């Protein structure tokens, strides 16, 4: 992977992350129980990641990828301040 490709990929992921977090915060604010809503999003998201088959990742490494993804997802969702 060359540097420009890595930079483009990181920029794309950063923009998607910001978009998702902004939308999630806005949706949470419309809920009767925003904290409960975010807790449910966190629970459902982690469960979904556990069920996903990451085809481009060797089977023996998928568990590691899932745990990293869940950790980052948890950090992102719990960082939302309402």
PDB file of N, CA and C in Angstrom:
ATOM      1  N   UNK A   1       0.853  -1.165   0.000  1.00  0.00           N
ATOM      2  CA  UNK A   1       0.000   0.000   0.000  1.00  0.00           C
ATOM      3  C   UNK A   1       0.902   1.231   0.000  1.00  0.00           C
ATOM      4  N   UNK A   2       0.694   2.112  -0.973  1.00  0.00           N
ATOM      5  CA  UNK A   2       1.525   3.310  -1.005  1.00  0.00           C
ATOM      6  C   UNK A   2       0.967   4.376  -0.062  1.00  0.00           C
ATOM      7  N   UNK A   3       1.793   5.402   0.187  1.00  0.00           N
ATOM      8  CA  UNK A   3       1.413   6.437   1.158  1.00  0.00           C
ATOM      9  C   UNK A   3       0.163   7.195   0.745  1.00  0.00           C
ATOM     10  N   UNK A   4       0.047   7.527  -0.533  1.00  0.00           N
ATOM     11  CA  UNK A   4      -1.131   8.283  -0.976  1.00  0.00           C
ATOM     12  C   UNK A   4      -2.406   7.455  -0.800  1.00  0.00           C
ATOM     13  N   UNK A   5      -2.331   6.175  -1.119  1.00  0.00           N
ATOM     14  CA  UNK A   5      -3.490   5.299  -0.936  1.00  0.00           C
ATOM     15  C   UNK A   5      -3.860   5.220   0.543  1.00  0.00           C
ATOM     16  N   UNK A   6      -2.857   5.053   1.410  1.00  0.00           N
ATOM     17  CA  UNK A   6      -3.115   4.980   2.856  1.00  0.00           C
ATOM     18  C   UNK A   6      -3.727   6.282   3.358  1.00  0.00           C
ATOM     19  N   UNK A   7      -3.215   7.410   2.889  1.00  0.00           N
ATOM     20  CA  UNK A   7      -3.767   8.712   3.289  1.00  0.00           C
ATOM     21  C   UNK A   7      -5.217   8.851   2.830  1.00  0.00           C
ATOM     22  N   UNK A   8      -5.493   8.457   1.589  1.00  0.00           N
ATOM     23  CA  UNK A   8      -6.858   8.527   1.068  1.00  0.00           C
ATOM     24  C   UNK A   8      -7.799   7.622   1.859  1.00  0.00           C
ATOM     25  N   UNK A   9      -7.340   6.435   2.184  1.00  0.00           N
ATOM     26  CA  UNK A   9      -8.162   5.499   2.954  1.00  0.00           C
ATOM     27  C   UNK A   9      -8.452   6.050   4.350  1.00  0.00           C
ATOM     28  N   UNK A  10      -7.439   6.584   4.999  1.00  0.00           N
ATOM     29  CA  UNK A  10      -7.627   7.158   6.332  1.00  0.00           C
ATOM     30  C   UNK A  10      -8.560   8.364   6.269  1.00  0.00           C
ATOM     31  N   UNK A  11      -8.405   9.207   5.262  1.00  0.00           N
ATOM     32  CA  UNK A  11      -9.289  10.362   5.112  1.00  0.00           C
ATOM     33  C   UNK A  11     -10.729   9.921   4.895  1.00  0.00           C
ATOM     34  N   UNK A  12     -10.932   8.898   4.090  1.00  0.00           N
ATOM     35  CA  UNK A  12     -12.282   8.384   3.837  1.00  0.00           C
ATOM     36  C   UNK A  12     -12.884   7.814   5.116  1.00  0.00           C
ATOM     37  N   UNK A  13     -12.117   7.027   5.847  1.00  0.00           N
ATOM     38  CA  UNK A  13     -12.618   6.452   7.099  1.00  0.00           C
ATOM     39  C   UNK A  13     -12.916   7.542   8.126  1.00  0.00           C
ATOM     40  N   UNK A  14     -12.079   8.560   8.190  1.00  0.00           N
ATOM     41  CA  UNK A  14     -12.309   9.662   9.126  1.00  0.00           C
ATOM     42  C   UNK A  14     -13.588  10.408   8.777  1.00  0.00           C
ATOM     43  N   UNK A  15     -13.818  10.638   7.495  1.00  0.00           N
ATOM     44  CA  UNK A  15     -15.036  11.355   7.107  1.00  0.00           C
ATOM     45  C   UNK A  15     -16.276  10.510   7.375  1.00  0.00           C
ATOM     46  N   UNK A  16     -16.202   9.214   7.110  1.00  0.00           N
ATOM     47  CA  UNK A  16     -17.341   8.331   7.396  1.00  0.00           C
ATOM     48  C   UNK A  16     -17.602   8.236   8.892  1.00  0.00           C
ATOM     49  N   UNK A  17     -16.549   8.171   9.681  1.00  0.00           N
ATOM     50  CA  UNK A  17     -16.697   8.118  11.131  1.00  0.00           C
ATOM     51  C   UNK A  17     -17.375   9.392  11.637  1.00  0.00           C
ATOM     52  N   UNK A  18     -16.924  10.543  11.158  1.00  0.00           N
ATOM     53  CA  UNK A  18     -17.509  11.803  11.584  1.00  0.00           C
ATOM     54  C   UNK A  18     -18.970  11.888  11.172  1.00  0.00           C
ATOM     55  N   UNK A  19     -19.272  11.468   9.965  1.00  0.00           N
ATOM     56  CA  UNK A  19     -20.654  11.458   9.491  1.00  0.00           C
ATOM     57  C   UNK A  19     -21.524  10.565  10.378  1.00  0.00           C
ATOM     58  N   UNK A  20     -21.064   9.358  10.653  1.00  0.00           N
ATOM     59  CA  UNK A  20     -21.839   8.422  11.474  1.00  0.00           C
ATOM     60  C   UNK A  20     -22.022   8.948  12.885  1.00  0.00           C
ATOM     61  N   UNK A  21     -20.984   9.477  13.482  1.00  0.00           N
ATOM     62  CA  UNK A  21     -21.081   9.962  14.853  1.00  0.00           C
ATOM     63  C   UNK A  21     -21.996  11.181  14.944  1.00  0.00           C
ATOM     64  N   UNK A  22     -21.943  12.065  13.970  1.00  0.00           N
ATOM     65  CA  UNK A  22     -22.817  13.238  13.947  1.00  0.00           C
ATOM     66  C   UNK A  22     -24.274  12.812  13.820  1.00  0.00           C
ATOM     67  N   UNK A  23     -24.531  11.868  12.929  1.00  0.00           N
ATOM     68  CA  UNK A  23     -25.899  11.380  12.736  1.00  0.00           C
ATOM     69  C   UNK A  23     -26.396  10.652  13.975  1.00  0.00           C
ATOM     70  N   UNK A  24     -25.568   9.826  14.560  1.00  0.00           N
ATOM     71  CA  UNK A  24     -25.962   9.068  15.743  1.00  0.00           C
ATOM     72  C   UNK A  24     -26.283  10.007  16.907  1.00  0.00           C
ATOM     73  N   UNK A  25     -25.488  11.039  17.077  1.00  0.00           N
ATOM     74  CA  UNK A  25     -25.739  12.020  18.130  1.00  0.00           C
ATOM     75  C   UNK A  25     -27.070  12.732  17.889  1.00  0.00           C
ATOM     76  N   UNK A  26     -27.315  13.125  16.646  1.00  0.00           N
ATOM     77  CA  UNK A  26     -28.566  13.810  16.316  1.00  0.00           C
ATOM     78  C   UNK A  26     -29.770  12.903  16.557  1.00  0.00           C
ATOM     79  N   UNK A  27     -29.670  11.652  16.182  1.00  0.00           N
ATOM     80  CA  UNK A  27     -30.767  10.699  16.397  1.00  0.00           C
ATOM     81  C   UNK A  27     -30.979  10.486  17.893  1.00  0.00           C
ATOM     82  N   UNK A  28     -29.901  10.316  18.643  1.00  0.00           N
ATOM     83  CA  UNK A  28     -30.014  10.080  20.082  1.00  0.00           C
ATOM     84  C   UNK A  28     -30.741  11.235  20.766  1.00  0.00           C
ATOM     85  N   UNK A  29     -30.474  12.443  20.325  1.00  0.00           N
ATOM     86  CA  UNK A  29     -31.108  13.610  20.935  1.00  0.00           C
ATOM     87  C   UNK A  29     -32.621  13.625  20.734  1.00  0.00           C
ATOM     88  N   UNK A  30     -33.111  12.917  19.730  1.00  0.00           N
ATOM     89  CA  UNK A  30     -34.554  12.895  19.484  1.00  0.00           C
ATOM     90  C   UNK A  30     -35.263  11.823  20.297  1.00  0.00           C
ATOM     91  N   UNK A  31     -34.511  10.976  20.967  1.00  0.00           N
ATOM     92  CA  UNK A  31     -35.088   9.860  21.700  1.00  0.00           C
ATOM     93  C   UNK A  31     -35.508  10.280  23.104  1.00  0.00           C
ATOM     94  N   UNK A  32     -36.523   9.622  23.622  1.00  0.00           N
ATOM     95  CA  UNK A  32     -36.985   9.894  24.981  1.00  0.00           C
ATOM     96  C   UNK A  32     -35.878   9.605  25.999  1.00  0.00           C
ATOM     97  N   UNK A  33     -35.127   8.533  25.758  1.00  0.00           N
ATOM     98  CA  UNK A  33     -34.029   8.137  26.639  1.00  0.00           C
ATOM     99  C   UNK A  33     -32.759   8.024  25.786  1.00  0.00           C
ATOM    100  N   UNK A  34     -32.067   9.134  25.547  1.00  0.00           N
ATOM    101  CA  UNK A  34     -30.886   9.102  24.669  1.00  0.00           C
ATOM    102  C   UNK A  34     -29.807   8.124  25.124  1.00  0.00           C
ATOM    103  N   UNK A  35     -29.552   8.071  26.424  1.00  0.00           N
ATOM    104  CA  UNK A  35     -28.513   7.158  26.925  1.00  0.00           C
ATOM    105  C   UNK A  35     -28.913   5.711  26.696  1.00  0.00           C
ATOM    106  N   UNK A  36     -30.169   5.397  26.917  1.00  0.00           N
ATOM    107  CA  UNK A  36     -30.660   4.037  26.664  1.00  0.00           C
ATOM    108  C   UNK A  36     -30.584   3.679  25.198  1.00  0.00           C
ATOM    109  N   UNK A  37     -30.896   4.648  24.346  1.00  0.00           N
ATOM    110  CA  UNK A  37     -30.811   4.431  22.903  1.00  0.00           C
ATOM    111  C   UNK A  37     -29.372   4.111  22.500  1.00  0.00           C
ATOM    112  N   UNK A  38     -28.427   4.904  23.000  1.00  0.00           N
ATOM    113  CA  UNK A  38     -27.020   4.668  22.650  1.00  0.00           C
ATOM    114  C   UNK A  38     -26.528   3.333  23.203  1.00  0.00           C
ATOM    115  N   UNK A  39     -26.997   2.956  24.378  1.00  0.00           N
ATOM    116  CA  UNK A  39     -26.623   1.655  24.938  1.00  0.00           C
ATOM    117  C   UNK A  39     -27.124   0.525  24.035  1.00  0.00           C
ATOM    118  N   UNK A  40     -28.335   0.678  23.519  1.00  0.00           N
ATOM    119  CA  UNK A  40     -28.893  -0.331  22.610  1.00  0.00           C
ATOM    120  C   UNK A  40     -28.116  -0.370  21.295  1.00  0.00           C
ATOM    121  N   UNK A  41     -27.754   0.786  20.770  1.00  0.00           N
ATOM    122  CA  UNK A  41     -26.936   0.849  19.551  1.00  0.00           C
ATOM    123  C   UNK A  41     -25.618   0.125  19.776  1.00  0.00           C
ATOM    124  N   UNK A  42     -25.011   0.366  20.925  1.00  0.00           N
ATOM    125  CA  UNK A  42     -23.737  -0.281  21.255  1.00  0.00           C
ATOM    126  C   UNK A  42     -23.893  -1.795  21.331  1.00  0.00           C
ATOM    127  N   UNK A  43     -24.908  -2.242  22.037  1.00  0.00           N
ATOM    128  CA  UNK A  43     -25.152  -3.679  22.179  1.00  0.00           C
ATOM    129  C   UNK A  43     -25.426  -4.331  20.824  1.00  0.00           C
ATOM    130  N   UNK A  44     -26.314  -3.738  20.058  1.00  0.00           N
ATOM    131  CA  UNK A  44     -26.671  -4.309  18.752  1.00  0.00           C
ATOM    132  C   UNK A  44     -25.491  -4.289  17.782  1.00  0.00           C
ATOM    133  N   UNK A  45     -24.723  -3.205  17.802  1.00  0.00           N
ATOM    134  CA  UNK A  45     -23.574  -3.098  16.910  1.00  0.00           C
ATOM    135  C   UNK A  45     -22.509  -4.137  17.216  1.00  0.00           C
ATOM    136  N   UNK A  46     -22.216  -4.324  18.485  1.00  0.00           N
ATOM    137  CA  UNK A  46     -21.213  -5.334  18.866  1.00  0.00           C
ATOM    138  C   UNK A  46     -21.687  -6.736  18.493  1.00  0.00           C
ATOM    139  N   UNK A  47     -22.953  -6.996  18.701  1.00  0.00           N
ATOM    140  CA  UNK A  47     -23.504  -8.308  18.331  1.00  0.00           C
ATOM    141  C   UNK A  47     -23.400  -8.518  16.813  1.00  0.00           C
ATOM    142  N   UNK A  48     -23.704  -7.494  16.052  1.00  0.00           N
ATOM    143  CA  UNK A  48     -23.627  -7.603  14.588  1.00  0.00           C
ATOM    144  C   UNK A  48     -22.202  -7.876  14.127  1.00  0.00           C
ATOM    145  N   UNK A  49     -21.239  -7.225  14.763  1.00  0.00           N
ATOM    146  CA  UNK A  49     -19.839  -7.452  14.388  1.00  0.00           C
ATOM    147  C   UNK A  49     -19.417  -8.889  14.649  1.00  0.00           C
ATOM    148  N   UNK A  50     -19.928  -9.472  15.720  1.00  0.00           N
ATOM    149  CA  UNK A  50     -19.586 -10.860  16.043  1.00  0.00           C
ATOM    150  C   UNK A  50     -20.137 -11.836  15.009  1.00  0.00           C
ATOM    151  N   UNK A  51     -21.215 -11.469  14.344  1.00  0.00           N
ATOM    152  CA  UNK A  51     -21.857 -12.352  13.367  1.00  0.00           C
ATOM    153  C   UNK A  51     -21.335 -12.157  11.949  1.00  0.00           C
ATOM    154  N   UNK A  52     -20.547 -11.111  11.741  1.00  0.00           N
ATOM    155  CA  UNK A  52     -20.068 -10.791  10.400  1.00  0.00           C
ATOM    156  C   UNK A  52     -18.884 -11.665  10.026  1.00  0.00           C
ATOM    157  N   UNK A  53     -18.875 -12.147   8.799  1.00  0.00           N
ATOM    158  CA  UNK A  53     -17.727 -12.873   8.272  1.00  0.00           C
ATOM    159  C   UNK A  53     -16.903 -11.886   7.451  1.00  0.00           C
ATOM    160  N   UNK A  54     -15.714 -11.610   7.895  1.00  0.00           N
ATOM    161  CA  UNK A  54     -14.824 -10.673   7.207  1.00  0.00           C
ATOM    162  C   UNK A  54     -14.001 -11.474   6.201  1.00  0.00           C
ATOM    163  N   UNK A  55     -14.546 -11.617   5.018  1.00  0.00           N
ATOM    164  CA  UNK A  55     -14.016 -12.535   4.007  1.00  0.00           C
ATOM    165  C   UNK A  55     -12.562 -12.285   3.630  1.00  0.00           C
ATOM    166  N   UNK A  56     -12.120 -11.041   3.673  1.00  0.00           N
ATOM    167  CA  UNK A  56     -10.743 -10.759   3.269  1.00  0.00           C
ATOM    168  C   UNK A  56      -9.736 -10.983   4.398  1.00  0.00           C
ATOM    169  N   UNK A  57     -10.232 -11.315   5.575  1.00  0.00           N
ATOM    170  CA  UNK A  57      -9.368 -11.575   6.729  1.00  0.00           C
ATOM    171  C   UNK A  57      -9.276 -13.087   6.932  1.00  0.00           C
ATOM    172  N   UNK A  58      -8.054 -13.626   7.093  1.00  0.00           N
ATOM    173  CA  UNK A  58      -7.942 -15.065   7.349  1.00  0.00           C
ATOM    174  C   UNK A  58      -8.776 -15.455   8.572  1.00  0.00           C
ATOM    175  N   UNK A  59      -9.373 -16.616   8.502  1.00  0.00           N
ATOM    176  CA  UNK A  59     -10.272 -17.083   9.558  1.00  0.00           C
ATOM    177  C   UNK A  59      -9.634 -17.019  10.940  1.00  0.00           C
ATOM    178  N   UNK A  60      -8.360 -17.379  11.015  1.00  0.00           N
ATOM    179  CA  UNK A  60      -7.700 -17.395  12.320  1.00  0.00           C
ATOM    180  C   UNK A  60      -7.459 -15.986  12.878  1.00  0.00           C
ATOM    181  N   UNK A  61      -7.620 -14.944  12.066  1.00  0.00           N
ATOM    182  CA  UNK A  61      -7.427 -13.556  12.512  1.00  0.00           C
ATOM    183  C   UNK A  61      -8.744 -12.810  12.695  1.00  0.00           C
ATOM    184  N   UNK A  62      -9.854 -13.414  12.293  1.00  0.00           N
ATOM    185  CA  UNK A  62     -11.128 -12.709  12.357  1.00  0.00           C
ATOM    186  C   UNK A  62     -11.509 -12.327  13.776  1.00  0.00           C
ATOM    187  N   UNK A  63     -11.239 -13.168  14.743  1.00  0.00           N
ATOM    188  CA  UNK A  63     -11.548 -12.846  16.132  1.00  0.00           C
ATOM    189  C   UNK A  63     -10.815 -11.596  16.603  1.00  0.00           C
ATOM    190  N   UNK A  64      -9.572 -11.467  16.196  1.00  0.00           N
ATOM    191  CA  UNK A  64      -8.775 -10.288  16.557  1.00  0.00           C
ATOM    192  C   UNK A  64      -9.393  -9.038  15.945  1.00  0.00           C
ATOM    193  N   UNK A  65      -9.762  -9.133  14.668  1.00  0.00           N
ATOM    194  CA  UNK A  65     -10.369  -7.997  13.978  1.00  0.00           C
ATOM    195  C   UNK A  65     -11.681  -7.606  14.648  1.00  0.00           C
ATOM    196  N   UNK A  66     -12.493  -8.583  14.984  1.00  0.00           N
ATOM    197  CA  UNK A  66     -13.776  -8.305  15.636  1.00  0.00           C
ATOM    198  C   UNK A  66     -13.552  -7.605  16.972  1.00  0.00           C
ATOM    199  N   UNK A  67     -12.605  -8.076  17.760  1.00  0.00           N
ATOM    200  CA  UNK A  67     -12.348  -7.454  19.061  1.00  0.00           C
ATOM    201  C   UNK A  67     -11.841  -6.022  18.898  1.00  0.00           C
ATOM    202  N   UNK A  68     -10.981  -5.786  17.929  1.00  0.00           N
ATOM    203  CA  UNK A  68     -10.506  -4.416  17.666  1.00  0.00           C
ATOM    204  C   UNK A  68     -11.661  -3.533  17.217  1.00  0.00           C
ATOM    205  N   UNK A  69     -12.489  -4.040  16.328  1.00  0.00           N
ATOM    206  CA  UNK A  69     -13.630  -3.266  15.828  1.00  0.00           C
ATOM    207  C   UNK A  69     -14.599  -2.943  16.955  1.00  0.00           C
ATOM    208  N   UNK A  70     -14.886  -3.924  17.794  1.00  0.00           N
ATOM    209  CA  UNK A  70     -15.797  -3.701  18.915  1.00  0.00           C
ATOM    210  C   UNK A  70     -15.221  -2.667  19.891  1.00  0.00           C
ATOM    211  N   UNK A  71     -13.934  -2.721  20.136  1.00  0.00           N
ATOM    212  CA  UNK A  71     -13.300  -1.758  21.040  1.00  0.00           C
ATOM    213  C   UNK A  71     -13.397  -0.345  20.475  1.00  0.00           C
ATOM    214  N   UNK A  72     -13.136  -0.202  19.193  1.00  0.00           N
ATOM    215  CA  UNK A  72     -13.216   1.130  18.572  1.00  0.00           C
ATOM    216  C   UNK A  72     -14.653   1.629  18.525  1.00  0.00           C
ATOM    217  N   UNK A  73     -15.576   0.730  18.228  1.00  0.00           N
ATOM    218  CA  UNK A  73     -16.995   1.084  18.184  1.00  0.00           C
ATOM    219  C   UNK A  73     -17.465   1.512  19.579  1.00  0.00           C
ATOM    220  N   UNK A  74     -17.082   0.758  20.589  1.00  0.00           N
ATOM    221  CA  UNK A  74     -17.448   1.085  21.964  1.00  0.00           C
ATOM    222  C   UNK A  74     -16.900   2.451  22.353  1.00  0.00           C
ATOM    223  N   UNK A  75     -15.656   2.700  22.022  1.00  0.00           N
ATOM    224  CA  UNK A  75     -15.043   3.994  22.326  1.00  0.00           C
ATOM    225  C   UNK A  75     -15.791   5.125  21.633  1.00  0.00           C
ATOM    226  N   UNK A  76     -16.144   4.913  20.381  1.00  0.00           N
ATOM    227  CA  UNK A  76     -16.851   5.946  19.626  1.00  0.00           C
ATOM    228  C   UNK A  76     -18.218   6.234  20.217  1.00  0.00           C
ATOM    229  N   UNK A  77     -18.999   5.192  20.456  1.00  0.00           N
ATOM    230  CA  UNK A  77     -20.361   5.386  20.952  1.00  0.00           C
ATOM    231  C   UNK A  77     -20.349   5.991  22.353  1.00  0.00           C
ATOM    232  N   UNK A  78     -19.468   5.502  23.201  1.00  0.00           N
ATOM    233  CA  UNK A  78     -19.453   6.026  24.577  1.00  0.00           C
ATOM    234  C   UNK A  78     -18.845   7.422  24.661  1.00  0.00           C
ATOM    235  N   UNK A  79     -18.210   7.886  23.606  1.00  0.00           N
ATOM    236  CA  UNK A  79     -17.654   9.258  23.607  1.00  0.00           C
ATOM    237  C   UNK A  79     -18.704  10.311  23.268  1.00  0.00           C
ATOM    238  N   UNK A  80     -19.884   9.891  22.846  1.00  0.00           N
ATOM    239  CA  UNK A  80     -20.936  10.834  22.463  1.00  0.00           C
ATOM    240  C   UNK A  80     -21.436  11.556  23.712  1.00  0.00           C
ATOM    241  N   UNK A  81     -21.327  12.859  23.696  1.00  0.00           N
ATOM    242  CA  UNK A  81     -21.809  13.690  24.797  1.00  0.00           C
ATOM    243  C   UNK A  81     -23.076  14.390  24.333  1.00  0.00           C
ATOM    244  N   UNK A  82     -24.132  14.231  25.102  1.00  0.00           N
ATOM    245  CA  UNK A  82     -25.427  14.831  24.738  1.00  0.00           C
ATOM    246  C   UNK A  82     -25.699  16.086  25.549  1.00  0.00           C
TER     247      UNK A  82
END
